Amino acid sequence: MTASQALDALVHATLRIDPALVTDDLSYQDISQWDSLGHVRLMQAVETTYAIKLTSERITQLTSVRALRDFADKAGAREGPAPVAQPRRSAGGNAPAAVSRGLVGICFDRSEITDIDASGGMLRYRGYGVDELIERASYEEVAFLLIHGTAPTADELARFRGTLRRARTLPAALAPLLASMAAARPFLVLQAAIAVLGAQRAQQPDADADADIALIAQLPCVLGLFHRLRTGAAEPPPRADLGHAEHLLYGLHGRLPQPVQARALDRALSLLADHSASASTFTARVVTGARADPHAAICSAIGAFSGPLHGGAVDQVMAMVDEIGSPAAAADYVRARLDRNEPIYGFGHRIYRGADPRSGLLRGIARTLGGQGRGARTLDVLDAVADAMSGYSRLGLDTNVDFYASALFEALDIPRDLFGPLFASARVAGLVAHVREQQRNNVLIRPQLLYAGPGPRSYGAGARA
C-alpha cells in the first residue's frame, strides 16, 4: 500500500464515508461528515498515525485530500514546509487574497435543483426545461419536482396537493394581525405572517414535518386575506376543490377566475418558482446554514426579495408604463432616459447576457389573455419599449423577468403593490427545495471581508477630540 493509499484509508475510516468520495477534489466542508468536528477527528488521526504533533498552521493547510496526500507522500512524520493552501478552503479563517464584490462568479456550493444556462438562454429545474414544464405540468407538480427531485406519481401528487389544500385554512390569530397592518407594505405583512406561523409550529411538538411545504399554500392565502381586510371585503371561505393558481385568484377577488386566467397564472408561477442562487435563495441558505428553522430562513429570504434590486423591482416597471402613457411615446422616453444615464426598468440581469428566457415566455402567456383586464395597454407599451431598446441587447442589456410579468399581473387585475409579494409566494417552492438541500449537507456559510480600514492605533484621551 502506497503512502497515498494509506492516507485515503485513513480519511475513509475517520470520516466514515464511501471510499469513492476520497478524491483530490474533496475538501473540508464539501460534505457534512467533514465539518469542523470531523476535521478535528481527522487531524487527531493524522497525529496518531504519523506520531507527530501538528502545528496550527499545518492544520489550517490540511483541508483537502490533495493536501493530505501531498503530506503523506512526503512521509510527514516530521514537520516540513506546509503544503500550499487552497485559498477558497480555509479552516483557520485567513483572509483571502482577492475580493469578489457581490460574489460575482463565485459558486458557493453545489446544487441539484436549478440549472441556469446563461449563454444558451435556458433555465432548467432538475434537468427539465421550464419551457416544457409550463406546458406539461401544473405549479403543484413543479413545486413537487423542485422539492423532491423527481416528477410526482399520481399518488404522490394527490398527497402533495392534499398537504397544500389543508394549509389554506389559516390560524385565527392571523386575521387581527393582518387587519392591524392594513397600511403596511405587503412584503412586511408576509414576513409577519411567516413569523406567526413559525411560532405556532414551534409550540406544537407533533407539528407536521411538511410545515415548510405548507407555506407554499399559506402565503397566497395571507395575501388574499390581507387584501380583503384592507378593502373591507368579505373573506371567501377556503376551497379544497381549486388548483393553486385558481385559489390564489379566488382569494384575492372573491370570485372564481376564468379558466384561461387560472391557466395563465399557473404557468407564470411555475416560471417564477426558482432561479438558483438569487439574493433571496442565498439568504435562505445562509440562514439555514446557521441551523435556523425553515420559517426563519424563508422569512429572511422574503426580506431580501423585497428589495428594489430583486423582486421589489416589478412595480417600477408599471410606474414606467404609466409615465410613458402610450406605445407611440416609448422611443422618446427611452432615448431621454438613456441620455440622462437613467435605467430602463425591466432590463438587465446579473447572470444573463441576453434576454432572460422567462421574459419571452411570460410575454407569450400575457398574450393568451388578449385584451382582458388592464394588461392590454401595458403589453403594447412594453413591446414598444423593447423595440426601442433592441439595439442594446448585443451589449447584454435585454428584458428580464420583471418586464413582462408586470403585464401579466396587470391583466389579471392583481393590485400593483401585490405584484412583488405574489412573485415571492411563487418562489417559496424553490426556497423550500433549497432549504432542504442545505439541511441535507449543511455547512455554515461564513465568507470573509478583506479589512480596508485604518492600521493599528492607540485610543488615547484625544481620540474623539
Protein backbone atom coordinates (compact mmCIF):
# COMPACT_ATOMS: atom_id res chain seq x y z
CA MET A 1 0.00 0.00 0.00
CA THR A 2 1.42 3.37 -1.00
CA ALA A 3 1.52 6.35 1.32
CA SER A 4 -1.35 7.97 -0.58
CA GLN A 5 -3.43 4.81 -0.40
CA ALA A 6 -2.84 4.59 3.35
CA LEU A 7 -3.88 8.19 3.71
CA ASP A 8 -7.05 7.54 1.70
CA ALA A 9 -7.92 4.65 4.01
CA LEU A 10 -7.38 6.91 7.00
CA VAL A 11 -9.76 9.57 5.61
CA HIS A 12 -12.36 6.94 4.73
CA ALA A 13 -12.22 5.33 8.19
CA THR A 14 -12.13 8.56 10.20
CA LEU A 15 -14.90 10.40 8.34
CA ARG A 16 -16.86 7.20 7.72
CA ILE A 17 -17.53 7.95 4.10
CA ASP A 18 -17.64 5.97 0.89
CA PRO A 19 -14.06 5.36 -0.34
CA ALA A 20 -15.18 6.60 -3.77
CA LEU A 21 -15.59 10.08 -2.28
CA VAL A 22 -11.92 10.27 -1.29
CA THR A 23 -10.55 12.13 -4.31
CA ASP A 24 -8.20 15.07 -4.79
CA ASP A 25 -11.21 17.37 -5.19
CA LEU A 26 -12.72 16.56 -1.79
CA SER A 27 -12.15 19.37 0.68
CA TYR A 28 -13.12 20.47 4.15
CA GLN A 29 -16.82 21.37 4.37
CA ASP A 30 -17.61 19.77 0.99
CA ILE A 31 -19.63 17.07 2.77
CA SER A 32 -21.45 17.03 6.08
CA GLN A 33 -19.08 14.40 7.51
CA TRP A 34 -16.11 16.71 7.02
CA ASP A 35 -17.41 19.53 9.15
CA SER A 36 -15.40 21.29 11.86
CA LEU A 37 -15.74 18.35 14.24
CA GLY A 38 -14.86 15.87 11.51
CA HIS A 39 -11.78 17.92 10.72
CA VAL A 40 -10.66 17.77 14.35
CA ARG A 41 -11.06 13.99 14.35
CA LEU A 42 -9.16 13.72 11.10
CA MET A 43 -6.27 15.81 12.39
CA GLN A 44 -6.14 13.69 15.53
CA ALA A 45 -5.97 10.56 13.40
CA VAL A 46 -3.13 12.06 11.35
CA GLU A 47 -1.16 12.88 14.51
CA THR A 48 -1.65 9.36 15.86
CA THR A 49 -0.80 7.67 12.59
CA TYR A 50 2.32 9.73 11.91
CA ALA A 51 3.34 10.09 15.57
CA ILE A 52 3.66 13.86 15.29
CA LYS A 53 2.08 16.97 16.73
CA LEU A 54 0.67 19.19 14.03
CA THR A 55 1.16 22.93 14.28
CA SER A 56 -1.89 25.19 13.97
CA GLU A 57 -0.52 26.45 10.67
CA ARG A 58 -0.34 22.95 9.23
CA ILE A 59 -3.84 22.10 10.47
CA THR A 60 -5.22 25.09 8.57
CA GLN A 61 -3.42 23.84 5.45
CA LEU A 62 -4.51 20.19 5.55
CA THR A 63 -8.00 20.99 4.34
CA SER A 64 -8.23 18.86 1.21
CA VAL A 65 -7.49 15.30 0.22
CA ARG A 66 -4.90 16.66 -2.22
CA ALA A 67 -3.04 18.44 0.58
CA LEU A 68 -3.26 15.37 2.80
CA ARG A 69 -1.91 13.12 0.04
CA ASP A 70 0.99 15.50 -0.53
CA PHE A 71 1.68 15.37 3.18
CA ALA A 72 1.60 11.57 3.21
CA ASP A 73 3.81 11.26 0.12
CA LYS A 74 6.44 13.35 1.87
CA ALA A 75 6.30 10.98 4.86
CA GLY A 76 5.12 13.75 7.14
CA ALA A 77 6.37 12.18 10.32
CA ARG A 78 8.42 15.32 10.65
CA GLU A 79 7.24 18.87 10.33
CA GLY A 80 8.41 20.19 6.98
CA PRO A 81 7.19 23.04 4.83
CA ALA A 82 3.41 23.27 4.94
CA PRO A 83 1.63 22.27 1.74
CA VAL A 84 0.23 25.03 -0.45
CA ALA A 85 -3.19 26.17 0.74
CA GLN A 86 -6.28 26.27 -1.43
CA PRO A 87 -7.45 29.85 -0.83
CA ARG A 88 -11.15 29.08 -1.06
CA ARG A 89 -10.91 26.35 1.57
CA SER A 90 -9.63 27.72 4.84
CA ALA A 91 -10.34 26.12 8.19
CA GLY A 92 -8.45 28.84 10.00
CA GLY A 93 -10.11 31.94 8.58
CA ASN A 94 -7.10 33.55 6.90
CA ALA A 95 -8.10 36.50 4.72
CA PRO A 96 -8.49 35.72 1.02
CA ALA A 97 -6.05 37.25 -1.41
CA ALA A 98 -8.75 38.79 -3.60
CA VAL A 99 -12.21 40.28 -3.24
CA SER A 100 -15.23 39.41 -5.39
CA ARG A 101 -17.76 42.16 -4.80
CA GLY A 102 -21.26 40.75 -4.77
CA LEU A 103 -19.74 37.25 -5.02
CA VAL A 104 -19.66 37.67 -8.79
CA GLY A 105 -18.50 34.47 -10.46
CA ILE A 106 -18.35 32.61 -7.13
CA CYS A 107 -20.03 29.20 -6.78
CA PHE A 108 -20.51 28.92 -3.03
CA ASP A 109 -21.81 25.33 -3.17
CA ARG A 110 -23.17 22.62 -5.44
CA SER A 111 -26.89 22.18 -6.13
CA GLU A 112 -29.05 19.69 -7.99
CA ILE A 113 -32.11 21.94 -8.18
CA THR A 114 -31.88 24.59 -10.90
CA ASP A 115 -29.54 24.94 -13.86
CA ILE A 116 -29.11 28.36 -15.43
CA ASP A 117 -27.51 28.14 -18.87
CA ALA A 118 -26.78 31.83 -19.25
CA SER A 119 -25.01 31.56 -22.58
CA GLY A 120 -27.67 29.30 -24.08
CA GLY A 121 -30.57 31.24 -22.60
CA MET A 122 -32.03 28.19 -20.89
CA LEU A 123 -33.47 27.57 -17.42
CA ARG A 124 -33.99 24.01 -16.16
CA TYR A 125 -35.49 22.59 -12.99
CA ARG A 126 -33.94 19.23 -12.12
CA GLY A 127 -32.91 18.88 -15.78
CA TYR A 128 -36.32 19.76 -17.28
CA GLY A 129 -36.58 22.93 -19.37
CA VAL A 130 -39.06 25.41 -17.94
CA ASP A 131 -40.49 25.93 -21.41
CA GLU A 132 -41.58 22.29 -21.38
CA LEU A 133 -42.72 22.28 -17.75
CA ILE A 134 -45.13 25.19 -18.12
CA GLU A 135 -46.88 23.35 -20.95
CA ARG A 136 -46.99 19.87 -19.39
CA ALA A 137 -47.05 20.35 -15.62
CA SER A 138 -49.07 22.30 -13.08
CA TYR A 139 -47.48 24.57 -10.50
CA GLU A 140 -48.09 21.90 -7.86
CA GLU A 141 -46.19 19.36 -9.98
CA VAL A 142 -43.33 21.80 -10.49
CA ALA A 143 -43.18 22.51 -6.75
CA PHE A 144 -43.03 18.77 -6.02
CA LEU A 145 -40.29 18.34 -8.62
CA LEU A 146 -38.19 21.14 -7.13
CA ILE A 147 -38.53 19.86 -3.58
CA HIS A 148 -38.28 16.11 -4.11
CA GLY A 149 -36.14 15.90 -7.24
CA THR A 150 -38.45 13.75 -9.35
CA ALA A 151 -41.73 14.23 -11.16
CA PRO A 152 -44.58 13.04 -8.92
CA THR A 153 -46.60 9.91 -9.48
CA ALA A 154 -50.37 10.28 -9.41
CA ASP A 155 -50.49 9.16 -5.75
CA GLU A 156 -47.61 11.44 -4.74
CA LEU A 157 -49.23 14.41 -6.44
CA ALA A 158 -52.56 13.72 -4.73
CA ARG A 159 -50.88 13.62 -1.31
CA PHE A 160 -48.87 16.76 -2.08
CA ARG A 161 -51.96 18.63 -3.20
CA GLY A 162 -53.72 17.45 -0.05
CA THR A 163 -50.96 18.98 2.08
CA LEU A 164 -51.29 22.29 0.24
CA ARG A 165 -55.07 22.40 0.33
CA ARG A 166 -55.30 21.61 4.05
CA ALA A 167 -52.96 24.53 4.67
CA ARG A 168 -55.39 27.01 3.11
CA THR A 169 -57.23 27.37 6.40
CA LEU A 170 -55.14 29.97 8.22
CA PRO A 171 -54.81 30.22 12.01
CA ALA A 172 -57.38 32.54 13.57
CA ALA A 173 -54.59 34.62 15.13
CA LEU A 174 -53.59 35.94 11.71
CA ALA A 175 -56.75 37.92 10.88
CA PRO A 176 -56.41 40.57 13.64
CA LEU A 177 -52.70 40.88 12.91
CA LEU A 178 -53.29 41.47 9.20
CA ALA A 179 -56.12 43.89 9.94
CA SER A 180 -53.78 45.92 12.13
CA MET A 181 -51.29 46.12 9.21
CA ALA A 182 -53.72 47.38 6.60
CA ALA A 183 -51.46 50.31 5.67
CA ALA A 184 -48.21 48.33 5.80
CA ARG A 185 -46.07 47.31 2.86
CA PRO A 186 -47.30 43.86 1.79
CA PHE A 187 -43.81 42.33 1.94
CA LEU A 188 -43.70 43.19 5.66
CA VAL A 189 -47.12 41.57 6.05
CA LEU A 190 -45.76 38.35 4.55
CA GLN A 191 -42.80 38.36 6.91
CA ALA A 192 -45.02 38.99 9.93
CA ALA A 193 -47.35 36.16 8.90
CA ILE A 194 -44.44 33.74 8.45
CA ALA A 195 -43.20 34.64 11.93
CA VAL A 196 -46.63 33.88 13.42
CA LEU A 197 -46.92 30.60 11.51
CA GLY A 198 -43.42 29.61 12.59
CA ALA A 199 -44.11 30.47 16.22
CA GLN A 200 -47.29 28.38 16.22
CA ARG A 201 -45.46 25.43 14.72
CA ALA A 202 -42.69 25.71 17.33
CA GLN A 203 -45.30 25.38 20.07
CA GLN A 204 -46.60 22.11 18.63
CA PRO A 205 -44.26 19.16 19.30
CA ASP A 206 -46.27 16.96 16.93
CA ALA A 207 -46.39 19.56 14.14
CA ASP A 208 -46.48 18.41 10.56
CA ALA A 209 -42.99 17.74 9.21
CA ASP A 210 -44.13 19.42 5.99
CA ALA A 211 -44.84 22.77 7.64
CA ASP A 212 -42.35 24.33 5.26
CA ILE A 213 -44.29 22.98 2.29
CA ALA A 214 -47.50 24.35 3.82
CA LEU A 215 -46.07 27.86 3.37
CA ILE A 216 -46.45 27.43 -0.40
CA ALA A 217 -50.22 27.47 0.10
CA GLN A 218 -50.37 29.72 3.15
CA LEU A 219 -48.64 32.79 1.74
CA PRO A 220 -51.04 33.30 -1.18
CA CYS A 221 -53.90 32.94 1.33
CA VAL A 222 -52.23 35.53 3.56
CA LEU A 223 -52.08 37.95 0.62
CA GLY A 224 -55.73 37.31 -0.20
CA LEU A 225 -56.87 37.79 3.39
CA PHE A 226 -54.75 40.93 3.79
CA HIS A 227 -56.18 42.47 0.62
CA ARG A 228 -59.77 41.64 1.56
CA LEU A 229 -59.33 43.07 5.05
CA ARG A 230 -57.76 46.31 3.87
CA THR A 231 -60.51 46.88 1.31
CA GLY A 232 -63.33 45.93 3.67
CA ALA A 233 -64.41 42.98 1.53
CA ALA A 234 -65.58 39.66 2.95
CA GLU A 235 -63.08 36.82 3.01
CA PRO A 236 -64.19 33.95 0.78
CA PRO A 237 -64.05 30.56 2.54
CA PRO A 238 -61.14 28.29 1.58
CA ARG A 239 -61.96 25.72 -1.10
CA ALA A 240 -60.24 22.39 -1.45
CA ASP A 241 -61.57 21.79 -4.96
CA LEU A 242 -59.48 24.51 -6.63
CA GLY A 243 -55.98 24.34 -8.01
CA HIS A 244 -53.22 26.53 -6.59
CA ALA A 245 -53.38 29.39 -9.10
CA GLU A 246 -57.18 29.27 -9.26
CA HIS A 247 -57.41 29.51 -5.47
CA LEU A 248 -54.94 32.39 -5.37
CA LEU A 249 -57.11 34.49 -7.69
CA TYR A 250 -60.26 33.40 -5.88
CA GLY A 251 -58.80 34.53 -2.56
CA LEU A 252 -57.85 37.94 -3.93
CA HIS A 253 -61.02 38.74 -5.87
CA GLY A 254 -63.66 36.74 -4.02
CA ARG A 255 -64.85 35.10 -7.23
CA LEU A 256 -63.76 32.21 -9.41
CA PRO A 257 -61.40 33.22 -12.23
CA GLN A 258 -61.95 32.26 -15.82
CA PRO A 259 -60.09 29.05 -16.79
CA VAL A 260 -57.79 30.98 -19.15
CA GLN A 261 -56.83 33.30 -16.29
CA ALA A 262 -56.10 30.45 -13.87
CA ARG A 263 -54.05 28.63 -16.51
CA ALA A 264 -52.05 31.76 -17.34
CA LEU A 265 -51.19 32.38 -13.70
CA ASP A 266 -50.38 28.71 -13.12
CA ARG A 267 -47.81 28.77 -15.93
CA ALA A 268 -46.34 32.04 -14.68
CA LEU A 269 -45.98 30.75 -11.11
CA SER A 270 -44.02 27.77 -12.43
CA LEU A 271 -41.64 30.11 -14.25
CA LEU A 272 -41.11 32.09 -11.04
CA ALA A 273 -40.72 29.10 -8.73
CA ASP A 274 -36.90 29.09 -8.56
CA HIS A 275 -33.84 30.76 -10.00
CA SER A 276 -30.84 29.10 -8.34
CA ALA A 277 -28.69 31.35 -6.13
CA SER A 278 -30.67 34.57 -6.32
CA ALA A 279 -30.23 37.01 -3.46
CA SER A 280 -33.28 35.63 -1.64
CA THR A 281 -32.25 32.00 -2.13
CA PHE A 282 -28.71 32.76 -0.96
CA THR A 283 -30.20 34.44 2.11
CA ALA A 284 -32.33 31.38 2.86
CA ARG A 285 -29.31 29.11 2.59
CA VAL A 286 -27.17 31.36 4.79
CA VAL A 287 -29.85 31.33 7.49
CA THR A 288 -30.33 27.59 7.12
CA GLY A 289 -26.56 27.15 7.31
CA ALA A 290 -26.71 28.59 10.81
CA ARG A 291 -29.25 25.81 11.61
CA ALA A 292 -32.16 28.18 11.95
CA ASP A 293 -35.58 26.70 11.19
CA PRO A 294 -37.19 26.88 7.73
CA HIS A 295 -39.65 29.60 8.73
CA ALA A 296 -36.77 31.85 9.80
CA ALA A 297 -34.92 31.13 6.56
CA ILE A 298 -37.91 31.84 4.32
CA CYS A 299 -38.86 34.95 6.30
CA SER A 300 -35.33 36.28 5.77
CA ALA A 301 -35.49 35.38 2.09
CA ILE A 302 -38.69 37.41 1.68
CA GLY A 303 -36.83 40.38 3.17
CA ALA A 304 -34.11 40.06 0.55
CA PHE A 305 -36.71 39.57 -2.18
CA SER A 306 -38.47 42.82 -1.24
CA GLY A 307 -35.53 44.99 -2.28
CA PRO A 308 -35.78 47.03 -5.49
CA LEU A 309 -32.72 45.25 -6.89
CA HIS A 310 -34.56 41.93 -6.56
CA GLY A 311 -38.30 41.14 -6.56
CA GLY A 312 -39.32 44.61 -5.48
CA ALA A 313 -38.47 45.91 -8.95
CA VAL A 314 -41.61 44.67 -10.71
CA ASP A 315 -43.72 47.64 -9.58
CA GLN A 316 -41.13 50.04 -11.03
CA VAL A 317 -41.96 48.64 -14.46
CA MET A 318 -45.58 49.67 -14.00
CA ALA A 319 -44.58 53.15 -12.89
CA MET A 320 -42.59 53.40 -16.12
CA VAL A 321 -45.59 52.27 -18.18
CA ASP A 322 -47.76 54.93 -16.57
CA GLU A 323 -45.15 57.59 -17.26
CA ILE A 324 -44.84 56.62 -20.92
CA GLY A 325 -48.61 56.53 -21.42
CA SER A 326 -48.80 55.13 -24.95
CA PRO A 327 -46.70 52.98 -27.31
CA ALA A 328 -46.03 55.99 -29.55
CA ALA A 329 -44.18 57.75 -26.72
CA ALA A 330 -41.92 54.83 -25.83
CA ALA A 331 -38.98 55.58 -28.14
CA ASP A 332 -38.67 59.20 -26.97
CA TYR A 333 -38.94 58.09 -23.35
CA VAL A 334 -36.17 55.52 -23.75
CA ARG A 335 -33.92 57.98 -25.58
CA ALA A 336 -34.40 60.67 -22.94
CA ARG A 337 -33.67 58.34 -20.02
CA LEU A 338 -30.58 56.90 -21.64
CA ASP A 339 -29.35 60.39 -22.43
CA ARG A 340 -29.64 61.15 -18.70
CA ASN A 341 -27.92 57.87 -17.84
CA GLU A 342 -31.06 56.62 -16.09
CA PRO A 343 -32.14 52.97 -16.08
CA ILE A 344 -34.92 51.44 -18.15
CA TYR A 345 -36.78 49.25 -15.67
CA GLY A 346 -37.13 45.59 -16.53
CA PHE A 347 -33.81 45.40 -18.41
CA GLY A 348 -30.56 43.74 -17.39
CA HIS A 349 -29.66 40.75 -15.24
CA ARG A 350 -26.65 39.71 -13.19
CA ILE A 351 -26.46 36.29 -14.87
CA TYR A 352 -27.94 36.53 -18.38
CA ARG A 353 -26.06 38.44 -21.04
CA GLY A 354 -29.03 38.19 -23.43
CA ALA A 355 -32.74 38.04 -22.78
CA ASP A 356 -33.91 36.26 -19.67
CA PRO A 357 -35.62 33.12 -21.07
CA ARG A 358 -38.54 33.65 -18.68
CA SER A 359 -39.25 37.05 -20.21
CA GLY A 360 -40.32 35.82 -23.63
CA LEU A 361 -42.35 33.00 -22.09
CA LEU A 362 -44.16 35.46 -19.82
CA ARG A 363 -44.89 37.70 -22.79
CA GLY A 364 -46.48 34.76 -24.57
CA ILE A 365 -48.55 33.90 -21.51
CA ALA A 366 -49.72 37.51 -21.19
CA ARG A 367 -50.76 37.46 -24.84
CA THR A 368 -53.05 34.48 -24.19
CA LEU A 369 -55.22 36.80 -22.10
CA GLY A 370 -55.80 39.03 -25.11
CA GLY A 371 -57.46 42.29 -24.15
CA GLN A 372 -58.52 41.19 -20.69
CA GLY A 373 -58.14 43.48 -17.70
CA ARG A 374 -55.64 46.32 -17.62
CA GLY A 375 -52.93 44.32 -19.33
CA ALA A 376 -53.56 45.09 -23.00
CA ARG A 377 -52.27 48.68 -22.87
CA THR A 378 -49.42 47.61 -20.62
CA LEU A 379 -48.28 44.92 -23.03
CA ASP A 380 -48.39 47.27 -26.01
CA VAL A 381 -46.31 49.89 -24.19
CA LEU A 382 -43.78 47.28 -23.05
CA ASP A 383 -43.44 45.90 -26.58
CA ALA A 384 -42.70 49.42 -27.80
CA VAL A 385 -40.07 49.88 -25.07
CA ALA A 386 -38.48 46.55 -26.01
CA ASP A 387 -38.33 47.65 -29.67
CA ALA A 388 -36.68 50.93 -28.66
CA MET A 389 -34.11 49.01 -26.61
CA SER A 390 -33.42 46.31 -29.20
CA GLY A 391 -30.09 47.82 -30.23
CA TYR A 392 -28.72 47.30 -26.73
CA SER A 393 -29.30 43.55 -26.49
CA ARG A 394 -25.89 42.77 -28.00
CA LEU A 395 -24.37 44.69 -25.11
CA GLY A 396 -26.06 42.44 -22.59
CA LEU A 397 -28.96 44.75 -21.84
CA ASP A 398 -32.17 42.87 -22.53
CA THR A 399 -35.51 42.18 -20.88
CA ASN A 400 -35.59 40.40 -17.53
CA VAL A 401 -38.35 38.53 -15.71
CA ASP A 402 -39.93 41.68 -14.23
CA PHE A 403 -40.61 43.22 -17.62
CA TYR A 404 -43.48 41.07 -18.89
CA ALA A 405 -44.52 39.65 -15.51
CA SER A 406 -45.95 43.09 -14.81
CA ALA A 407 -48.16 42.91 -17.91
CA LEU A 408 -49.47 39.51 -16.90
CA PHE A 409 -50.26 40.56 -13.32
CA GLU A 410 -51.92 43.72 -14.61
CA ALA A 411 -54.12 41.67 -16.96
CA LEU A 412 -55.20 39.53 -14.01
CA ASP A 413 -56.29 42.66 -12.09
CA ILE A 414 -53.86 41.96 -9.28
CA PRO A 415 -53.22 45.06 -7.14
CA ARG A 416 -49.89 46.54 -8.12
CA ASP A 417 -48.43 46.57 -4.63
CA LEU A 418 -49.03 42.80 -4.54
CA PHE A 419 -47.05 42.08 -7.73
CA GLY A 420 -43.79 41.52 -5.87
CA PRO A 421 -45.29 39.63 -2.90
CA LEU A 422 -47.19 37.35 -5.31
CA PHE A 423 -43.91 36.69 -7.14
CA ALA A 424 -42.32 35.89 -3.77
CA SER A 425 -45.12 33.49 -2.86
CA ALA A 426 -44.41 31.56 -6.07
CA ARG A 427 -40.72 31.42 -5.17
CA VAL A 428 -41.46 29.67 -1.85
CA ALA A 429 -41.45 26.31 -3.64
CA GLY A 430 -37.85 26.87 -4.71
CA LEU A 431 -36.91 28.25 -1.30
CA VAL A 432 -38.21 25.12 0.41
CA ALA A 433 -36.19 23.00 -2.01
CA HIS A 434 -33.01 24.96 -1.28
CA VAL A 435 -33.55 24.95 2.48
CA ARG A 436 -33.94 21.18 2.45
CA GLU A 437 -30.91 20.71 0.21
CA GLN A 438 -28.85 22.89 2.54
CA GLN A 439 -30.05 20.89 5.55
CA ARG A 440 -29.05 17.58 3.96
CA ASN A 441 -25.42 18.62 3.58
CA ASN A 442 -25.15 21.62 5.83
CA VAL A 443 -22.24 23.96 6.26
CA LEU A 444 -22.12 27.33 7.98
CA ILE A 445 -21.81 29.90 5.19
CA ARG A 446 -19.29 32.36 6.54
CA PRO A 447 -17.36 34.35 3.90
CA GLN A 448 -14.80 36.95 4.87
CA LEU A 449 -14.39 40.69 4.42
CA LEU A 450 -10.99 42.00 3.43
CA TYR A 451 -10.25 44.66 6.01
CA ALA A 452 -9.52 48.03 4.42
CA GLY A 453 -9.73 50.33 7.45
CA PRO A 454 -7.06 52.15 9.49
CA GLY A 455 -4.00 50.32 10.72
CA PRO A 456 -3.30 49.66 14.41
CA ARG A 457 -3.62 52.81 16.52
CA SER A 458 -3.96 53.84 20.16
CA TYR A 459 -7.24 55.04 21.67
CA GLY A 460 -5.91 57.94 23.71
CA ALA A 461 -7.64 60.71 25.61
CA GLY A 462 -7.93 62.85 22.49
CA ALA A 463 -9.26 60.15 20.20
CA ARG A 464 -12.68 61.83 19.97
CA ALA A 465 -11.47 65.42 20.14
